[in-house]
Structures are given as C-alpha cells and as structure tokens.
Amino acid sequence: MLLMCDGAEAVSIPPGGCVFIEKADKTADFIRIKSDTFADVLRNKMAQRNG
C-alpha cells in the first residue's frame, strides 16, 4: 500500500504496517470549503461550456 499526503512523494506501507493519524495542536486557516455541491459545480461548468 502507498501513502501520499498533499502531493508529497508516496511512502510504501509494508503488509501489517500501521498508519496513525492524530489531531494536531495547531490549526491553519488556508482551506476554504464552499457550500456548492458537486451537482452545482457540474451544472455551472456545463452552462459555461454550452453558453
């Protein structure tokens, strides 16, 4: 199995290996989550393409 985070180089996880995920003490405000659904985005892209 390969593990890749944020586009970094993939790391091989051997059979029986474990990956631990923990919440960090620090936060970062660089991710913006939009309220648009996949269908909204698709509809807008199709309208731009056809219009």
N, C-alpha and C. Protein backbone atom coordinates (compact mmCIF):
# COMPACT_ATOMS: atom_id res chain seq x y z
N MET A 1 0.85 -1.15 0.00
CA MET A 1 0.00 0.00 0.00
C MET A 1 0.90 1.22 0.00
N LEU A 2 0.45 2.26 -0.70
CA LEU A 2 1.21 3.51 -0.72
C LEU A 2 0.43 4.60 0.00
N LEU A 3 1.13 5.44 0.72
CA LEU A 3 0.53 6.57 1.42
C LEU A 3 1.11 7.85 0.85
N MET A 4 0.23 8.77 0.45
CA MET A 4 0.68 10.05 -0.08
C MET A 4 -0.14 11.16 0.58
N CYS A 5 0.52 12.20 1.02
CA CYS A 5 -0.16 13.34 1.65
C CYS A 5 0.23 14.63 0.95
N ASP A 6 -0.75 15.42 0.60
CA ASP A 6 -0.53 16.74 0.00
C ASP A 6 0.40 16.71 -1.20
N GLY A 7 0.33 15.68 -2.00
CA GLY A 7 1.12 15.62 -3.22
C GLY A 7 2.59 15.29 -2.99
N ALA A 8 2.97 14.97 -1.77
CA ALA A 8 4.36 14.62 -1.48
C ALA A 8 4.65 13.23 -2.05
N GLU A 9 5.91 12.87 -2.02
CA GLU A 9 6.31 11.56 -2.52
C GLU A 9 5.62 10.45 -1.74
N ALA A 10 5.15 9.44 -2.43
CA ALA A 10 4.44 8.32 -1.80
C ALA A 10 5.40 7.50 -0.93
N VAL A 11 4.88 7.02 0.17
CA VAL A 11 5.64 6.18 1.09
C VAL A 11 5.00 4.80 1.10
N SER A 12 5.81 3.77 0.97
CA SER A 12 5.30 2.40 0.96
C SER A 12 5.02 1.94 2.39
N ILE A 13 3.82 1.40 2.59
CA ILE A 13 3.45 0.82 3.89
C ILE A 13 3.51 -0.70 3.72
N PRO A 14 4.38 -1.35 4.46
CA PRO A 14 4.52 -2.81 4.29
C PRO A 14 3.31 -3.55 4.82
N PRO A 15 3.09 -4.79 4.38
CA PRO A 15 1.99 -5.59 4.90
C PRO A 15 2.08 -5.67 6.43
N GLY A 16 0.96 -5.45 7.08
CA GLY A 16 0.93 -5.47 8.54
C GLY A 16 1.35 -4.16 9.17
N GLY A 17 1.78 -3.19 8.34
CA GLY A 17 2.21 -1.90 8.86
C GLY A 17 1.01 -1.08 9.33
N CYS A 18 1.26 -0.06 10.12
CA CYS A 18 0.19 0.78 10.67
C CYS A 18 0.45 2.25 10.33
N VAL A 19 -0.63 2.98 10.18
CA VAL A 19 -0.56 4.42 10.00
C VAL A 19 -1.40 5.03 11.11
N PHE A 20 -0.81 5.92 11.87
CA PHE A 20 -1.51 6.58 12.95
C PHE A 20 -1.81 8.01 12.55
N ILE A 21 -3.03 8.44 12.75
CA ILE A 21 -3.45 9.80 12.41
C ILE A 21 -3.93 10.46 13.69
N GLU A 22 -3.37 11.63 13.98
CA GLU A 22 -3.74 12.36 15.19
C GLU A 22 -4.10 13.80 14.84
N LYS A 23 -4.91 14.39 15.66
CA LYS A 23 -5.24 15.79 15.51
C LYS A 23 -4.07 16.62 16.04
N ALA A 24 -3.65 17.61 15.26
CA ALA A 24 -2.54 18.47 15.66
C ALA A 24 -2.99 19.49 16.69
N ASP A 25 -2.04 19.98 17.48
CA ASP A 25 -2.33 21.04 18.44
C ASP A 25 -2.54 22.38 17.76
N LYS A 26 -1.93 22.55 16.59
CA LYS A 26 -2.01 23.83 15.87
C LYS A 26 -3.02 23.72 14.73
N THR A 27 -3.56 24.87 14.35
CA THR A 27 -4.50 24.91 13.23
C THR A 27 -3.98 25.87 12.16
N ALA A 28 -4.51 25.74 10.97
CA ALA A 28 -4.17 26.64 9.87
C ALA A 28 -5.46 27.00 9.14
N ASP A 29 -5.59 28.26 8.79
CA ASP A 29 -6.79 28.74 8.12
C ASP A 29 -6.51 29.00 6.63
N PHE A 30 -6.17 27.96 5.89
CA PHE A 30 -5.90 28.14 4.47
C PHE A 30 -6.82 27.28 3.61
N ILE A 31 -7.76 26.61 4.19
CA ILE A 31 -8.71 25.80 3.44
C ILE A 31 -10.07 26.47 3.49
N ARG A 32 -10.66 26.68 2.32
CA ARG A 32 -11.98 27.28 2.26
C ARG A 32 -12.92 26.23 1.70
N ILE A 33 -13.94 25.92 2.43
CA ILE A 33 -14.92 24.93 1.98
C ILE A 33 -16.14 25.67 1.48
N LYS A 34 -16.47 25.44 0.24
CA LYS A 34 -17.62 26.09 -0.37
C LYS A 34 -18.88 25.29 -0.10
N SER A 35 -20.00 25.97 -0.19
CA SER A 35 -21.27 25.28 0.02
C SER A 35 -21.80 24.66 -1.27
N ASP A 36 -21.11 24.89 -2.39
CA ASP A 36 -21.55 24.32 -3.66
C ASP A 36 -21.43 22.80 -3.63
N THR A 37 -22.43 22.14 -4.14
CA THR A 37 -22.37 20.69 -4.25
C THR A 37 -21.70 20.31 -5.55
N PHE A 38 -21.37 19.06 -5.69
CA PHE A 38 -20.79 18.57 -6.94
C PHE A 38 -21.72 18.88 -8.11
N ALA A 39 -23.03 18.68 -7.90
CA ALA A 39 -24.01 18.94 -8.96
C ALA A 39 -24.02 20.42 -9.35
N ASP A 40 -23.89 21.32 -8.37
CA ASP A 40 -23.83 22.76 -8.66
C ASP A 40 -22.62 23.09 -9.53
N VAL A 41 -21.48 22.58 -9.16
CA VAL A 41 -20.26 22.84 -9.92
C VAL A 41 -20.37 22.28 -11.33
N LEU A 42 -20.85 21.07 -11.46
CA LEU A 42 -21.02 20.44 -12.76
C LEU A 42 -21.99 21.24 -13.63
N ARG A 43 -23.12 21.65 -13.06
CA ARG A 43 -24.12 22.43 -13.80
C ARG A 43 -23.52 23.75 -14.30
N ASN A 44 -22.75 24.43 -13.46
CA ASN A 44 -22.14 25.68 -13.86
C ASN A 44 -21.12 25.48 -14.96
N LYS A 45 -20.32 24.44 -14.85
CA LYS A 45 -19.32 24.16 -15.89
C LYS A 45 -19.98 23.81 -17.22
N MET A 46 -21.05 23.04 -17.16
CA MET A 46 -21.75 22.68 -18.39
C MET A 46 -22.40 23.92 -19.01
N ALA A 47 -22.94 24.81 -18.20
CA ALA A 47 -23.55 26.04 -18.70
C ALA A 47 -22.49 26.91 -19.37
N GLN A 48 -21.30 27.01 -18.79
CA GLN A 48 -20.23 27.81 -19.38
C GLN A 48 -19.77 27.21 -20.71
N ARG A 49 -19.73 25.91 -20.76
CA ARG A 49 -19.28 25.22 -21.98
C ARG A 49 -20.29 25.38 -23.12
N ASN A 50 -21.58 25.36 -22.77
CA ASN A 50 -22.63 25.41 -23.78
C ASN A 50 -23.13 26.83 -24.06
N GLY A 51 -22.68 27.80 -23.29
CA GLY A 51 -23.30 29.09 -23.42
C GLY A 51 -22.50 30.16 -23.99
